[in-house]
């Protein structure tokens, strides 16, 4: 009788398979479209070369790659530190957070602030903190608690103001009101290199950089081009006017979360 006929398969094994599949799906979804995807392909090529060296008896090549794989965990952490950090932060978000509490006043404040900066020809970088906390970035700037208002934003981004460099971080409080919680914040620059980013300066690279590591949404205003863009998941949108910006913010801050909860209830 064949040995495999004695194997048993129960619900624990099924649960095990589903959990592993879920983790793999989450990891692949996390790195899709990022530089980590290319590095993962490179690691796969290295593994295939190692396997071929083993089968062909290439002892020197096999020894070199065996030393590489002996510290594979350390190499993995170094190469994918940004993706690992982003993944762990997204796992630890508060599932009870109600994004429908985003009031129209917050979105209007963002739209009016961006429009005022654009008309004045002042650059601006407004980071909207969502589920992933950005507290670790506050230390690079000045913490505060001010209302999200176009006049306040213009005051902070005025070229003569001491806090005009860097970014503002906006967060929704427990009452659903937008508050400016930090100014003059230094953001990580984008890791990716492409033709689109090459057309813009440091402000836009910083907007892309912070969204590569978190689920933040960034409104960036160019002082030279006098245009407004939204940046999310490392991707920069087309230029928006006021009505388009309001629709885009509403779709990302309200409708998306409402759809997610609706699907969750149906499931």
Protein backbone atom coordinates (compact mmCIF):
# COMPACT_ATOMS: atom_id res chain seq x y z
CA UNK A 1 0.00 0.00 0.00
CA UNK A 2 1.36 3.42 -0.92
CA UNK A 3 2.42 5.61 2.06
CA UNK A 4 0.50 8.67 0.93
CA UNK A 5 -2.80 6.78 1.18
CA UNK A 6 -2.42 6.81 4.98
CA UNK A 7 -2.27 10.61 5.12
CA UNK A 8 -5.22 12.35 6.76
CA UNK A 9 -6.54 15.78 5.81
CA UNK A 10 -8.69 17.70 8.26
CA UNK A 11 -10.03 21.20 8.84
CA UNK A 12 -6.82 22.20 10.65
CA UNK A 13 -4.84 21.47 7.48
CA UNK A 14 -7.36 23.45 5.44
CA UNK A 15 -7.07 26.38 7.85
CA UNK A 16 -3.28 26.16 7.61
CA UNK A 17 -3.41 26.37 3.81
CA UNK A 18 -5.81 29.34 3.85
CA UNK A 19 -3.63 31.24 6.35
CA UNK A 20 -0.46 30.70 4.31
CA UNK A 21 -2.29 31.68 1.11
CA UNK A 22 -3.66 34.79 2.83
CA UNK A 23 -0.20 35.87 4.03
CA UNK A 24 1.30 35.32 0.57
CA UNK A 25 -1.53 37.27 -1.06
CA UNK A 26 -1.07 40.14 1.39
CA UNK A 27 2.70 40.26 0.81
CA UNK A 28 2.36 40.17 -2.98
CA UNK A 29 -0.31 42.88 -2.87
CA UNK A 30 1.91 44.99 -0.63
CA UNK A 31 4.93 44.88 -2.95
CA UNK A 32 3.05 45.02 -6.26
CA UNK A 33 4.25 47.90 -8.40
CA UNK A 34 7.10 48.83 -6.03
CA UNK A 35 10.86 48.42 -6.25
CA UNK A 36 10.51 45.46 -3.87
CA UNK A 37 8.84 43.53 -6.69
CA UNK A 38 11.98 43.83 -8.82
CA UNK A 39 14.23 42.86 -5.91
CA UNK A 40 12.07 39.81 -5.24
CA UNK A 41 12.50 38.73 -8.86
CA UNK A 42 16.25 39.20 -8.46
CA UNK A 43 16.28 36.98 -5.37
CA UNK A 44 14.33 34.34 -7.29
CA UNK A 45 16.95 34.41 -10.06
CA UNK A 46 19.71 33.97 -7.46
CA UNK A 47 17.88 30.98 -5.99
CA UNK A 48 17.49 29.39 -9.44
CA UNK A 49 21.22 29.83 -10.10
CA UNK A 50 21.99 28.19 -6.73
CA UNK A 51 19.69 25.26 -7.53
CA UNK A 52 21.30 24.83 -10.97
CA UNK A 53 24.79 24.91 -9.42
CA UNK A 54 23.78 22.15 -7.00
CA UNK A 55 22.42 19.93 -9.75
CA UNK A 56 25.47 20.48 -11.99
CA UNK A 57 28.01 19.97 -9.23
CA UNK A 58 29.53 23.46 -9.42
CA UNK A 59 31.03 23.36 -5.94
CA UNK A 60 32.56 26.84 -5.87
CA UNK A 61 29.37 28.56 -7.08
CA UNK A 62 27.31 26.45 -4.68
CA UNK A 63 29.55 27.42 -1.74
CA UNK A 64 29.34 31.15 -2.58
CA UNK A 65 25.55 31.10 -2.77
CA UNK A 66 25.26 28.93 0.35
CA UNK A 67 27.09 31.68 2.27
CA UNK A 68 24.62 34.18 0.84
CA UNK A 69 21.60 32.17 1.97
CA UNK A 70 23.10 31.60 5.45
CA UNK A 71 22.45 35.29 6.21
CA UNK A 72 19.34 35.47 4.05
CA UNK A 73 17.07 36.78 6.84
CA UNK A 74 19.38 39.73 7.51
CA UNK A 75 19.61 40.50 3.78
CA UNK A 76 15.81 40.26 3.50
CA UNK A 77 15.30 42.78 6.31
CA UNK A 78 17.85 45.22 4.84
CA UNK A 79 16.43 45.04 1.31
CA UNK A 80 12.75 45.20 2.27
CA UNK A 81 12.88 47.38 5.39
CA UNK A 82 10.48 49.99 3.97
CA UNK A 83 7.95 47.40 2.83
CA UNK A 84 8.20 45.46 6.11
CA UNK A 85 7.65 48.65 8.11
CA UNK A 86 4.67 49.64 5.98
CA UNK A 87 3.17 46.15 6.21
CA UNK A 88 3.51 45.94 10.00
CA UNK A 89 2.00 49.41 10.45
CA UNK A 90 -0.96 48.55 8.24
CA UNK A 91 -1.56 45.34 10.22
CA UNK A 92 -1.61 47.32 13.45
CA UNK A 93 -4.19 49.91 12.37
CA UNK A 94 -7.35 50.42 14.38
CA UNK A 95 -10.16 48.48 12.64
CA UNK A 96 -12.78 50.47 14.56
CA UNK A 97 -11.73 53.77 13.03
CA UNK A 98 -14.72 55.30 11.29
CA UNK A 99 -13.56 57.17 8.21
CA UNK A 100 -17.10 58.29 7.43
CA UNK A 101 -16.59 60.85 10.18
CA UNK A 102 -14.49 62.81 7.70
CA UNK A 103 -16.64 65.92 7.48
CA UNK A 104 -17.05 68.04 4.40
CA UNK A 105 -15.44 70.90 6.31
CA UNK A 106 -12.10 69.05 6.35
CA UNK A 107 -12.21 68.41 2.61
CA UNK A 108 -13.28 72.00 1.95
CA UNK A 109 -10.39 73.21 4.10
CA UNK A 110 -7.93 71.19 2.04
CA UNK A 111 -9.41 72.39 -1.26
CA UNK A 112 -9.51 76.07 -0.23
CA UNK A 113 -5.99 75.90 1.18
CA UNK A 114 -4.58 74.37 -2.01
CA UNK A 115 -6.43 76.93 -4.16
CA UNK A 116 -5.16 79.85 -2.07
CA UNK A 117 -1.55 78.63 -2.27
CA UNK A 118 -1.82 78.10 -6.02
CA UNK A 119 -3.20 81.59 -6.63
CA UNK A 120 -0.43 83.17 -4.58
CA UNK A 121 2.25 81.10 -6.29
CA UNK A 122 3.38 79.55 -3.00
CA UNK A 123 4.44 75.94 -2.74
CA UNK A 124 2.74 73.66 -0.25
CA UNK A 125 2.87 70.11 1.04
CA UNK A 126 -0.08 68.88 3.11
CA UNK A 127 0.05 65.30 4.40
CA UNK A 128 -3.27 63.76 5.47
CA UNK A 129 -2.68 61.15 8.13
CA UNK A 130 -5.06 58.22 7.80
CA UNK A 131 -4.91 54.78 9.45
CA UNK A 132 -1.12 54.50 9.50
CA UNK A 133 0.25 56.77 12.22
CA UNK A 134 2.88 59.37 11.33
CA UNK A 135 3.88 60.27 14.87
CA UNK A 136 7.49 59.32 14.12
CA UNK A 137 7.66 62.21 11.63
CA UNK A 138 6.43 64.85 14.06
CA UNK A 139 9.82 65.02 15.79
CA UNK A 140 11.45 66.44 12.67
CA UNK A 141 9.10 69.44 12.74
CA UNK A 142 7.07 71.48 15.20
CA UNK A 143 4.03 69.90 16.84
CA UNK A 144 0.90 72.05 17.13
CA UNK A 145 -2.86 71.88 17.21
CA UNK A 146 -4.43 74.36 14.80
CA UNK A 147 -7.65 74.27 12.77
CA UNK A 148 -7.37 73.28 9.12
CA UNK A 149 -8.17 76.63 7.59
CA UNK A 150 -6.99 78.31 4.39
CA UNK A 151 -5.81 81.41 6.27
CA UNK A 152 -3.79 79.33 8.73
CA UNK A 153 -2.25 77.25 5.93
CA UNK A 154 -1.28 80.40 4.01
CA UNK A 155 0.30 81.85 7.15
CA UNK A 156 2.40 78.73 7.66
CA UNK A 157 3.49 78.41 4.01
CA UNK A 158 4.22 82.11 3.50
CA UNK A 159 7.81 82.29 2.17
CA UNK A 160 8.74 84.76 4.95
CA UNK A 161 7.31 82.52 7.69
CA UNK A 162 9.81 80.50 9.76
CA UNK A 163 7.76 77.31 9.33
CA UNK A 164 7.24 77.45 5.55
CA UNK A 165 9.83 74.76 4.76
CA UNK A 166 8.77 71.13 4.92
CA UNK A 167 5.27 69.70 5.18
CA UNK A 168 2.13 70.14 7.24
CA UNK A 169 0.55 67.03 8.72
CA UNK A 170 -3.24 67.09 9.02
CA UNK A 171 -5.18 64.65 11.17
CA UNK A 172 -8.86 64.18 11.90
CA UNK A 173 -9.72 64.47 15.59
CA UNK A 174 -12.36 62.51 17.48
CA UNK A 175 -15.03 65.02 16.45
CA UNK A 176 -14.29 64.58 12.76
CA UNK A 177 -12.59 67.95 12.38
CA UNK A 178 -9.36 68.43 10.46
CA UNK A 179 -6.49 69.68 12.61
CA UNK A 180 -2.93 70.68 11.72
CA UNK A 181 -0.82 68.62 14.13
CA UNK A 182 2.71 69.39 12.86
CA UNK A 183 4.50 71.85 10.58
CA UNK A 184 7.96 72.08 9.00
CA UNK A 185 8.07 68.27 8.90
CA UNK A 186 10.85 66.57 6.94
CA UNK A 187 9.58 63.71 4.80
CA UNK A 188 11.52 60.77 3.32
CA UNK A 189 12.29 61.21 -0.37
CA UNK A 190 10.99 58.79 -2.98
CA UNK A 191 13.12 55.72 -3.64
CA UNK A 192 11.82 55.23 -7.16
CA UNK A 193 13.33 56.97 -10.16
CA UNK A 194 11.17 57.70 -13.17
CA UNK A 195 10.63 60.28 -15.87
CA UNK A 196 7.64 61.88 -14.14
CA UNK A 197 9.48 62.55 -10.89
CA UNK A 198 12.42 63.89 -12.88
CA UNK A 199 10.17 66.74 -14.03
CA UNK A 200 9.46 67.87 -10.45
CA UNK A 201 11.48 68.98 -7.47
CA UNK A 202 12.13 67.87 -3.90
CA UNK A 203 8.62 68.73 -2.70
CA UNK A 204 7.02 66.22 -5.07
CA UNK A 205 9.66 63.56 -4.34
CA UNK A 206 8.91 63.96 -0.63
CA UNK A 207 5.18 63.59 -1.31
CA UNK A 208 5.80 60.33 -3.15
CA UNK A 209 8.27 59.16 -0.50
CA UNK A 210 5.92 59.38 2.48
CA UNK A 211 3.17 57.56 0.58
CA UNK A 212 5.55 54.72 -0.28
CA UNK A 213 5.85 53.96 3.45
CA UNK A 214 2.30 54.69 4.66
CA UNK A 215 -1.30 55.04 3.55
CA UNK A 216 -1.10 58.83 3.82
CA UNK A 217 -2.70 61.04 1.19
CA UNK A 218 -0.72 64.13 0.16
CA UNK A 219 -1.84 67.37 -1.46
CA UNK A 220 1.16 69.01 -3.12
CA UNK A 221 1.13 72.50 -4.64
CA UNK A 222 3.89 73.59 -7.03
CA UNK A 223 5.10 77.17 -6.73
CA UNK A 224 6.63 77.15 -10.22
CA UNK A 225 3.90 75.37 -12.18
CA UNK A 226 1.05 76.58 -9.97
CA UNK A 227 -0.67 73.22 -10.17
CA UNK A 228 -2.10 70.86 -7.55
CA UNK A 229 -1.58 67.10 -7.39
CA UNK A 230 -2.70 64.28 -5.12
CA UNK A 231 -0.19 61.59 -4.21
CA UNK A 232 -1.22 58.16 -2.92
CA UNK A 233 0.61 54.81 -2.76
CA UNK A 234 3.67 56.32 -4.41
CA UNK A 235 1.66 57.49 -7.42
CA UNK A 236 1.05 61.12 -8.40
CA UNK A 237 -2.25 62.13 -10.00
CA UNK A 238 -2.86 64.54 -12.82
CA UNK A 239 -3.18 68.24 -12.06
CA UNK A 240 -6.48 69.20 -10.40
CA UNK A 241 -8.63 72.31 -10.29
CA UNK A 242 -10.80 72.96 -7.23
CA UNK A 243 -13.81 70.86 -8.24
CA UNK A 244 -11.66 67.95 -9.37
CA UNK A 245 -9.59 68.05 -6.19
CA UNK A 246 -12.72 68.01 -4.02
CA UNK A 247 -14.13 65.01 -5.90
CA UNK A 248 -10.83 63.14 -5.66
CA UNK A 249 -10.49 63.81 -1.93
CA UNK A 250 -14.09 62.75 -1.30
CA UNK A 251 -13.57 59.52 -3.23
CA UNK A 252 -10.43 58.67 -1.29
CA UNK A 253 -11.42 59.81 2.18
CA UNK A 254 -15.12 58.93 2.32
CA UNK A 255 -16.51 56.74 -0.44
CA UNK A 256 -13.69 54.21 -0.42
CA UNK A 257 -14.10 53.44 3.28
CA UNK A 258 -17.88 53.33 2.95
CA UNK A 259 -17.55 50.76 0.15
CA UNK A 260 -15.14 48.66 2.18
CA UNK A 261 -17.53 48.48 5.13
CA UNK A 262 -20.47 47.68 2.85
CA UNK A 263 -18.59 44.78 1.30
CA UNK A 264 -17.56 43.62 4.77
CA UNK A 265 -21.18 43.51 5.91
CA UNK A 266 -22.22 41.57 2.80
CA UNK A 267 -19.43 39.05 3.35
